[in-house]
């Protein structure tokens, strides 16, 4: 689901100038949407395609986790569904995303990246990508004195035929001024149409989940920073909103939240997977004790179609196809999601995913059903826009706080 300023520290260091290590730095984020038209209308078919892409992103990570660890990440029911749907093919971020900037190489060069807590790997378009990468900033390892080839290829393929393929390298990466040395990244020799500048607003993608779901078998950029002692705290945090969005690296930004954090332990270090207390609608708790992945790279809140139908039945919403529901635009329900005994409300603005149909009076809800997730929920931006979220690598937990 995502433009910023990063310091020139690496360039100065290359000149042997010693600078103090930054204590905390933030990256403003910009939202880009292709799920909605310019007038705010949404199409259920586009949402269904987005749900399928999110399912397949998850299934690809599940397969990587099992290859990397030799154990199952989720119950067998989800694994079987993943195999049935084709776990190696998806479009995981072609609709709505949050993106910022990162510097790569020596001397450093700036790129726009999609910040995705629902994946781990980092890739950019390379010099042999040609017209396929037109409109994107190109990373050229041949002009970086710190780039090293790993002698391995990478390929990611998707349901609609979209793909990215290329070679793996290591290079110096600066995220918000913090330096990661020998970071593994993919250098694409081909972007298909799904990654064209028309469909993908960022130059590349930066995953922020755990190593165990990496296709490369490598740490994320942030995990590398932590392992190298480059950040003051092993924490990053997001504010995702209509304005003032930010990725904060090395801690949390106290100006962006109020009150204490509610922390929930990560149940499995693959995705940022946690256990919630309840999901309610109009004062009624419908879902109790649920497992969820906190994913900045997913726009919607996704749940199993049967559970989602139970939620919408409370307000007599109408299913318009494939787990997508419509309701009057002026009758958005009061939806709450509870963690650690604290309920977080979804605003009408974030739950309302846009107008549907020609009347202008009907809108689509921001929670949608999926047949490929089992009992797992995906908490995307429809939820995250309502909270300040801290991802604590050191203590393996996620924290939510009220926005300031």
Protein backbone atom coordinates (compact mmCIF):
# COMPACT_ATOMS: atom_id res chain seq x y z
CA UNK A 1 0.00 0.00 0.00
CA UNK A 2 2.92 4.50 -0.25
CA UNK A 3 8.67 11.49 -0.56
CA UNK A 4 11.25 12.37 1.92
CA UNK A 5 14.65 13.63 2.82
CA UNK A 6 17.59 11.47 3.81
CA UNK A 7 20.94 12.94 4.94
CA UNK A 8 24.26 13.08 3.06
CA UNK A 9 26.06 11.28 5.89
CA UNK A 10 27.41 8.50 3.68
CA UNK A 11 28.91 10.96 1.19
CA UNK A 12 30.67 12.85 3.98
CA UNK A 13 31.89 9.63 5.52
CA UNK A 14 33.39 8.73 2.16
CA UNK A 15 35.48 11.90 2.53
CA UNK A 16 36.66 10.65 5.96
CA UNK A 17 34.65 13.28 7.84
CA UNK A 18 33.50 11.97 11.22
CA UNK A 19 29.93 12.81 12.14
CA UNK A 20 27.90 11.95 15.24
CA UNK A 21 25.50 9.04 14.81
CA UNK A 22 21.91 10.24 14.36
CA UNK A 23 19.72 9.52 17.35
CA UNK A 24 16.32 9.33 15.68
CA UNK A 25 15.31 10.25 12.17
CA UNK A 26 11.96 10.19 10.44
CA UNK A 27 10.83 9.75 6.87
CA UNK A 28 7.64 11.49 5.71
CA UNK A 29 5.45 9.18 3.65
CA UNK A 30 3.13 9.87 0.74
CA UNK A 31 0.00 7.88 -0.02
CA UNK A 32 -0.73 6.88 -3.61
CA UNK A 33 -3.97 5.19 -4.59
CA UNK A 34 -5.05 3.37 -7.73
CA UNK A 35 -7.99 1.54 -6.15
CA UNK A 36 -10.09 4.70 -6.38
CA UNK A 37 -10.78 6.87 -9.39
CA UNK A 38 -10.10 10.61 -9.28
CA UNK A 39 -13.69 11.27 -8.14
CA UNK A 40 -13.38 8.78 -5.29
CA UNK A 41 -15.40 5.93 -6.82
CA UNK A 42 -14.32 2.34 -6.24
CA UNK A 43 -14.87 -0.84 -8.20
CA UNK A 44 -15.56 -4.16 -6.40
CA UNK A 45 -13.70 -6.05 -9.12
CA UNK A 46 -10.56 -4.01 -8.45
CA UNK A 47 -10.91 -4.73 -4.75
CA UNK A 48 -11.27 -8.47 -5.41
CA UNK A 49 -8.09 -8.39 -7.51
CA UNK A 50 -6.35 -6.57 -4.67
CA UNK A 51 -7.52 -9.17 -2.14
CA UNK A 52 -6.16 -11.96 -4.35
CA UNK A 53 -2.80 -10.18 -4.60
CA UNK A 54 -2.62 -9.82 -0.81
CA UNK A 55 -3.47 -13.49 -0.29
CA UNK A 56 -0.71 -14.52 -2.66
CA UNK A 57 1.85 -12.21 -1.00
CA UNK A 58 1.07 -13.95 2.29
CA UNK A 59 1.28 -17.42 0.76
CA UNK A 60 4.64 -16.63 -0.85
CA UNK A 61 6.00 -15.65 2.57
CA UNK A 62 4.57 -18.83 4.10
CA UNK A 63 6.44 -20.91 1.52
CA UNK A 64 9.67 -18.98 2.19
CA UNK A 65 9.29 -19.46 5.96
CA UNK A 66 8.90 -23.20 5.56
CA UNK A 67 11.93 -23.39 3.24
CA UNK A 68 14.05 -21.29 5.60
CA UNK A 69 13.04 -22.94 8.90
CA UNK A 70 11.69 -26.38 8.02
CA UNK A 71 8.50 -25.81 10.03
CA UNK A 72 4.98 -24.65 9.20
CA UNK A 73 4.19 -21.00 9.87
CA UNK A 74 0.41 -21.42 10.03
CA UNK A 75 -2.07 -24.29 10.47
CA UNK A 76 -2.28 -26.82 7.67
CA UNK A 77 -5.61 -25.41 6.49
CA UNK A 78 -3.93 -22.21 5.35
CA UNK A 79 -0.99 -24.06 3.82
CA UNK A 80 -3.34 -26.23 1.77
CA UNK A 81 -5.24 -23.20 0.55
CA UNK A 82 -2.00 -21.55 -0.41
CA UNK A 83 -1.00 -24.52 -2.53
CA UNK A 84 -4.40 -24.63 -4.17
CA UNK A 85 -4.31 -20.96 -5.13
CA UNK A 86 -0.75 -20.96 -6.43
CA UNK A 87 1.48 -19.57 -3.70
CA UNK A 88 4.20 -18.34 -6.06
CA UNK A 89 2.06 -15.90 -8.03
CA UNK A 90 0.60 -12.52 -6.97
CA UNK A 91 0.59 -8.77 -7.29
CA UNK A 92 1.26 -7.67 -3.77
CA UNK A 93 1.37 -3.89 -4.05
CA UNK A 94 -0.05 -2.63 -7.32
CA UNK A 95 -2.99 -0.68 -5.96
CA UNK A 96 -2.45 1.54 -2.90
CA UNK A 97 0.78 1.97 -0.99
CA UNK A 98 2.83 4.22 1.25
CA UNK A 99 6.24 5.14 -0.03
CA UNK A 100 9.28 7.09 1.09
CA UNK A 101 12.94 7.39 0.10
CA UNK A 102 16.17 5.53 0.74
CA UNK A 103 19.80 5.97 -0.31
CA UNK A 104 21.83 3.14 -1.83
CA UNK A 105 25.44 2.81 -2.91
CA UNK A 106 28.72 4.72 -2.64
CA UNK A 107 28.32 7.54 -3.48
CA UNK A 108 24.70 7.33 -2.31
CA UNK A 109 21.82 7.61 -4.77
CA UNK A 110 18.22 8.28 -3.71
CA UNK A 111 15.29 5.99 -4.58
CA UNK A 112 11.59 5.95 -3.76
CA UNK A 113 10.51 2.79 -1.96
CA UNK A 114 7.28 1.14 -0.87
CA UNK A 115 7.50 0.49 2.89
CA UNK A 116 5.89 -2.90 3.50
CA UNK A 117 5.74 -4.65 6.89
CA UNK A 118 4.06 -7.59 5.15
CA UNK A 119 7.24 -8.74 3.35
CA UNK A 120 11.00 -8.74 3.97
CA UNK A 121 13.00 -8.33 0.78
CA UNK A 122 14.33 -5.17 -0.87
CA UNK A 123 14.58 -4.68 -4.64
CA UNK A 124 15.23 -1.87 -7.14
CA UNK A 125 15.25 -1.57 -10.96
CA UNK A 126 18.70 -2.21 -12.46
CA UNK A 127 20.60 -0.78 -15.46
CA UNK A 128 19.63 -3.57 -17.88
CA UNK A 129 15.91 -3.18 -17.18
CA UNK A 130 15.44 -0.92 -20.23
CA UNK A 131 12.01 0.36 -21.27
CA UNK A 132 10.32 -1.92 -18.75
CA UNK A 133 11.59 0.37 -15.97
CA UNK A 134 10.95 3.66 -17.78
CA UNK A 135 9.92 6.36 -15.31
CA UNK A 136 11.74 4.72 -12.40
CA UNK A 137 15.07 5.77 -10.92
CA UNK A 138 17.68 3.14 -11.84
CA UNK A 139 20.15 1.61 -9.39
CA UNK A 140 23.47 0.75 -11.08
CA UNK A 141 25.75 -1.43 -8.94
CA UNK A 142 28.59 -0.87 -11.44
CA UNK A 143 29.02 2.74 -10.29
CA UNK A 144 28.86 1.97 -6.57
CA UNK A 145 32.23 1.20 -4.98
CA UNK A 146 30.49 -0.72 -2.16
CA UNK A 147 28.36 -3.03 -4.35
CA UNK A 148 29.19 -6.73 -4.46
CA UNK A 149 27.48 -9.40 -6.60
CA UNK A 150 26.23 -12.51 -4.81
CA UNK A 151 26.17 -14.65 -7.95
CA UNK A 152 22.52 -15.56 -7.46
CA UNK A 153 19.34 -14.72 -9.35
CA UNK A 154 15.94 -13.76 -7.97
CA UNK A 155 12.52 -13.92 -9.60
CA UNK A 156 9.10 -12.94 -8.32
CA UNK A 157 6.08 -13.87 -10.44
CA UNK A 158 2.43 -12.87 -10.07
CA UNK A 159 -1.04 -14.14 -10.99
CA UNK A 160 -1.63 -11.55 -13.72
CA UNK A 161 1.69 -12.35 -15.43
CA UNK A 162 3.54 -9.49 -13.77
CA UNK A 163 7.06 -10.21 -12.64
CA UNK A 164 10.43 -8.84 -11.57
CA UNK A 165 13.65 -10.73 -12.08
CA UNK A 166 17.35 -10.00 -11.78
CA UNK A 167 20.50 -10.51 -9.70
CA UNK A 168 21.23 -10.31 -5.99
CA UNK A 169 23.88 -7.89 -4.70
CA UNK A 170 24.98 -6.42 -1.42
CA UNK A 171 25.56 -2.70 -1.00
CA UNK A 172 25.50 0.12 1.53
CA UNK A 173 22.00 1.39 2.30
CA UNK A 174 21.00 4.48 4.28
CA UNK A 175 17.52 4.55 5.79
CA UNK A 176 16.71 7.90 7.42
CA UNK A 177 20.45 8.50 7.79
CA UNK A 178 21.24 5.15 9.43
CA UNK A 179 23.80 3.05 7.56
CA UNK A 180 23.33 -0.65 6.79
CA UNK A 181 26.48 -2.25 5.37
CA UNK A 182 26.42 -5.20 2.96
CA UNK A 183 22.63 -5.17 2.70
CA UNK A 184 21.21 -7.80 0.35
CA UNK A 185 19.06 -6.34 -2.42
CA UNK A 186 17.61 -7.47 -5.71
CA UNK A 187 18.68 -5.60 -8.85
CA UNK A 188 15.94 -6.15 -11.42
CA UNK A 189 16.80 -6.74 -15.05
CA UNK A 190 13.08 -6.85 -15.87
CA UNK A 191 9.97 -5.15 -14.54
CA UNK A 192 6.76 -6.28 -16.22
CA UNK A 193 3.74 -4.01 -16.66
CA UNK A 194 2.57 -4.51 -13.07
CA UNK A 195 5.71 -2.71 -11.87
CA UNK A 196 5.63 0.00 -14.54
CA UNK A 197 5.60 3.60 -13.35
CA UNK A 198 1.91 3.77 -14.31
CA UNK A 199 0.99 1.07 -11.81
CA UNK A 200 3.78 1.24 -9.24
CA UNK A 201 4.57 4.73 -7.92
CA UNK A 202 7.75 3.75 -6.08
CA UNK A 203 11.05 2.74 -7.71
CA UNK A 204 11.30 -0.39 -5.57
CA UNK A 205 10.01 -2.17 -2.52
CA UNK A 206 11.49 -2.36 1.00
CA UNK A 207 10.13 -5.17 3.16
CA UNK A 208 10.19 -4.78 6.95
CA UNK A 209 9.16 -8.23 8.24
CA UNK A 210 11.46 -10.97 9.59
CA UNK A 211 14.23 -12.90 7.85
CA UNK A 212 12.31 -16.19 8.03
CA UNK A 213 9.88 -15.05 5.29
CA UNK A 214 12.63 -13.67 3.02
CA UNK A 215 12.82 -15.07 -0.49
CA UNK A 216 16.52 -14.12 -0.43
CA UNK A 217 17.17 -15.75 2.96
CA UNK A 218 18.42 -12.33 4.13
CA UNK A 219 17.63 -9.69 6.74
CA UNK A 220 15.41 -6.74 5.94
CA UNK A 221 17.11 -3.34 5.82
CA UNK A 222 15.92 -2.54 9.33
CA UNK A 223 16.98 -5.92 10.75
CA UNK A 224 20.44 -5.30 9.26
CA UNK A 225 20.58 -1.93 11.01
CA UNK A 226 19.69 -3.63 14.29
CA UNK A 227 22.21 -6.45 13.86
CA UNK A 228 24.97 -3.94 13.10
CA UNK A 229 24.11 -1.72 16.08
CA UNK A 230 23.37 1.21 13.78
CA UNK A 231 20.13 2.41 15.42
CA UNK A 232 19.71 3.73 18.99
CA UNK A 233 16.65 1.53 19.55
CA UNK A 234 15.54 -1.57 17.65
CA UNK A 235 12.18 0.06 16.90
CA UNK A 236 10.50 1.69 13.91
CA UNK A 237 7.10 3.34 13.86
CA UNK A 238 4.48 4.48 11.38
CA UNK A 239 1.93 7.21 11.19
CA UNK A 240 -0.29 6.59 8.16
CA UNK A 241 -2.82 9.34 7.62
CA UNK A 242 -4.29 11.72 5.06
CA UNK A 243 -1.42 14.14 5.87
CA UNK A 244 1.78 14.12 7.89
CA UNK A 245 2.50 10.43 7.35
CA UNK A 246 5.87 9.22 8.58
CA UNK A 247 8.18 6.26 9.05
CA UNK A 248 10.25 6.89 12.19
CA UNK A 249 13.49 4.92 12.48
CA UNK A 250 15.30 4.13 15.74
CA UNK A 251 12.42 4.77 18.14
CA UNK A 252 9.04 6.50 18.19
CA UNK A 253 8.04 10.12 17.56
CA UNK A 254 6.36 11.33 20.78
CA UNK A 255 4.80 14.28 18.94
CA UNK A 256 2.58 11.96 16.90
CA UNK A 257 0.79 9.98 19.63
CA UNK A 258 -0.79 10.52 23.03
CA UNK A 259 -1.16 8.28 26.05
CA UNK A 260 0.58 4.95 26.59
CA UNK A 261 1.21 2.23 24.04
CA UNK A 262 -0.70 -1.02 24.17
CA UNK A 263 1.87 -3.69 23.34
CA UNK A 264 1.06 -7.14 21.96
CA UNK A 265 3.72 -9.86 21.62
CA UNK A 266 4.57 -11.24 18.19
CA UNK A 267 3.38 -14.85 18.18
CA UNK A 268 5.64 -16.02 15.37
CA UNK A 269 8.68 -14.16 13.95
CA UNK A 270 7.76 -14.44 10.31
CA UNK A 271 5.27 -11.67 9.71
CA UNK A 272 4.32 -9.12 12.38
CA UNK A 273 1.71 -11.57 13.66
CA UNK A 274 -0.19 -10.84 16.88
CA UNK A 275 -3.28 -11.99 18.77
CA UNK A 276 -6.23 -9.64 19.25
CA UNK A 277 -9.06 -9.69 21.76
CA UNK A 278 -12.10 -8.82 19.67
CA UNK A 279 -13.56 -7.11 16.62
CA UNK A 280 -16.87 -5.35 17.19
CA UNK A 281 -19.42 -3.42 15.21
CA UNK A 282 -21.97 -0.99 16.64
CA UNK A 283 -21.20 -2.06 20.19
CA UNK A 284 -21.44 -5.82 19.56
CA UNK A 285 -18.36 -8.02 19.76
CA UNK A 286 -18.62 -10.37 16.79
CA UNK A 287 -15.12 -11.84 16.56
CA UNK A 288 -13.29 -13.00 19.68
CA UNK A 289 -9.60 -13.92 20.10
CA UNK A 290 -8.24 -13.64 16.58
CA UNK A 291 -4.81 -13.88 14.97
CA UNK A 292 -3.73 -11.02 12.69
CA UNK A 293 -0.81 -9.75 10.63
CA UNK A 294 -0.09 -6.02 10.93
CA UNK A 295 0.68 -5.02 7.34
CA UNK A 296 1.40 -1.50 6.06
CA UNK A 297 1.52 -2.97 2.55
CA UNK A 298 -2.17 -3.89 2.54
CA UNK A 299 -4.85 -1.22 2.13
CA UNK A 300 -7.91 -3.04 3.48
CA UNK A 301 -8.72 -5.08 6.56
CA UNK A 302 -9.12 -8.67 5.37
CA UNK A 303 -10.69 -11.64 7.14
CA UNK A 304 -12.22 -14.98 6.29
CA UNK A 305 -15.43 -14.47 4.31
CA UNK A 306 -17.58 -16.20 6.95
CA UNK A 307 -16.35 -13.92 9.74
CA UNK A 308 -16.67 -10.81 7.60
CA UNK A 309 -20.24 -11.73 6.69
CA UNK A 310 -21.05 -11.99 10.42
CA UNK A 311 -19.79 -8.45 10.95
CA UNK A 312 -21.78 -6.95 8.11
CA UNK A 313 -24.93 -8.88 9.01
CA UNK A 314 -25.22 -6.71 12.14
CA UNK A 315 -25.77 -3.62 9.98
CA UNK A 316 -27.62 -5.31 7.10
CA UNK A 317 -24.94 -4.39 4.56
CA UNK A 318 -25.21 -5.76 1.03
CA UNK A 319 -22.58 -8.05 -0.47
CA UNK A 320 -21.79 -6.77 -3.95
CA UNK A 321 -19.41 -9.60 -4.84
CA UNK A 322 -16.60 -11.72 -3.46
CA UNK A 323 -16.61 -10.56 0.15
CA UNK A 324 -17.00 -6.85 -0.68
CA UNK A 325 -19.93 -5.05 0.99
CA UNK A 326 -21.86 -1.85 0.35
CA UNK A 327 -23.87 0.33 2.71
CA UNK A 328 -25.28 3.89 2.77
CA UNK A 329 -22.49 6.46 2.73
CA UNK A 330 -24.08 8.37 5.62
CA UNK A 331 -24.44 5.26 7.81
CA UNK A 332 -20.88 4.12 8.48
CA UNK A 333 -20.89 1.79 11.53
CA UNK A 334 -18.85 2.09 14.69
CA UNK A 335 -16.13 -0.54 14.25
CA UNK A 336 -13.67 -1.31 17.05
CA UNK A 337 -10.65 -3.60 17.22
CA UNK A 338 -9.43 -4.54 20.69
CA UNK A 339 -5.87 -5.43 21.71
CA UNK A 340 -4.60 -5.92 25.23
CA UNK A 341 -7.92 -4.83 26.67
CA UNK A 342 -7.95 -1.49 24.80
CA UNK A 343 -10.40 -0.82 21.98
CA UNK A 344 -9.31 1.21 18.97
CA UNK A 345 -12.10 2.72 16.88
CA UNK A 346 -12.08 3.01 13.10
CA UNK A 347 -13.20 6.46 11.99
CA UNK A 348 -16.02 6.72 9.46
CA UNK A 349 -13.52 8.31 7.06
CA UNK A 350 -11.13 5.36 7.14
CA UNK A 351 -13.82 2.66 7.14
CA UNK A 352 -15.60 4.26 4.15
CA UNK A 353 -13.64 2.99 1.16
CA UNK A 354 -15.42 5.18 -1.37
CA UNK A 355 -18.59 5.53 -3.38
CA UNK A 356 -20.01 2.67 -5.40
CA UNK A 357 -22.55 2.86 -8.22
CA UNK A 358 -24.08 5.87 -9.91
CA UNK A 359 -26.28 7.22 -7.13
CA UNK A 360 -23.43 8.60 -5.05
CA UNK A 361 -25.26 7.48 -1.90
CA UNK A 362 -23.76 4.00 -1.60
CA UNK A 363 -20.24 3.27 -0.37
CA UNK A 364 -18.06 0.23 0.15
CA UNK A 365 -16.79 -0.88 3.55
CA UNK A 366 -13.08 -1.10 4.35
CA UNK A 367 -13.31 -4.66 5.69
CA UNK A 368 -13.47 -7.36 3.01
CA UNK A 369 -13.68 -11.14 2.92
CA UNK A 370 -11.00 -13.52 1.70
CA UNK A 371 -11.15 -17.25 1.02
CA UNK A 372 -7.38 -17.72 1.21
CA UNK A 373 -6.47 -16.68 4.77
CA UNK A 374 -8.07 -19.30 7.00
CA UNK A 375 -8.62 -17.85 10.48
CA UNK A 376 -5.99 -15.18 9.93
CA UNK A 377 -6.83 -11.46 9.64
CA UNK A 378 -4.77 -8.84 7.80
CA UNK A 379 -4.81 -5.42 9.46
CA UNK A 380 -3.96 -2.99 6.69
CA UNK A 381 -4.20 0.77 6.36
CA UNK A 382 -7.94 0.94 7.06
CA UNK A 383 -6.97 0.09 10.65
CA UNK A 384 -3.46 1.59 10.79
CA UNK A 385 -4.62 5.08 9.78
CA UNK A 386 -6.42 5.23 13.15
CA UNK A 387 -3.41 4.47 15.37
CA UNK A 388 0.28 5.21 15.82
CA UNK A 389 2.08 1.89 15.40
CA UNK A 390 5.46 0.86 16.81
CA UNK A 391 7.25 -2.26 15.55
CA UNK A 392 9.63 -3.32 18.33
CA UNK A 393 12.22 -5.74 16.95
CA UNK A 394 14.17 -5.94 20.21
CA UNK A 395 11.21 -7.13 22.25
CA UNK A 396 9.37 -8.86 19.40
CA UNK A 397 6.14 -6.92 19.85
CA UNK A 398 3.83 -4.41 18.19
CA UNK A 399 2.49 -1.36 20.01
CA UNK A 400 -0.56 0.77 19.23
CA UNK A 401 -1.23 4.24 20.62
CA UNK A 402 -3.85 6.92 19.98
CA UNK A 403 -2.89 9.53 17.41
CA UNK A 404 -2.04 12.97 18.78
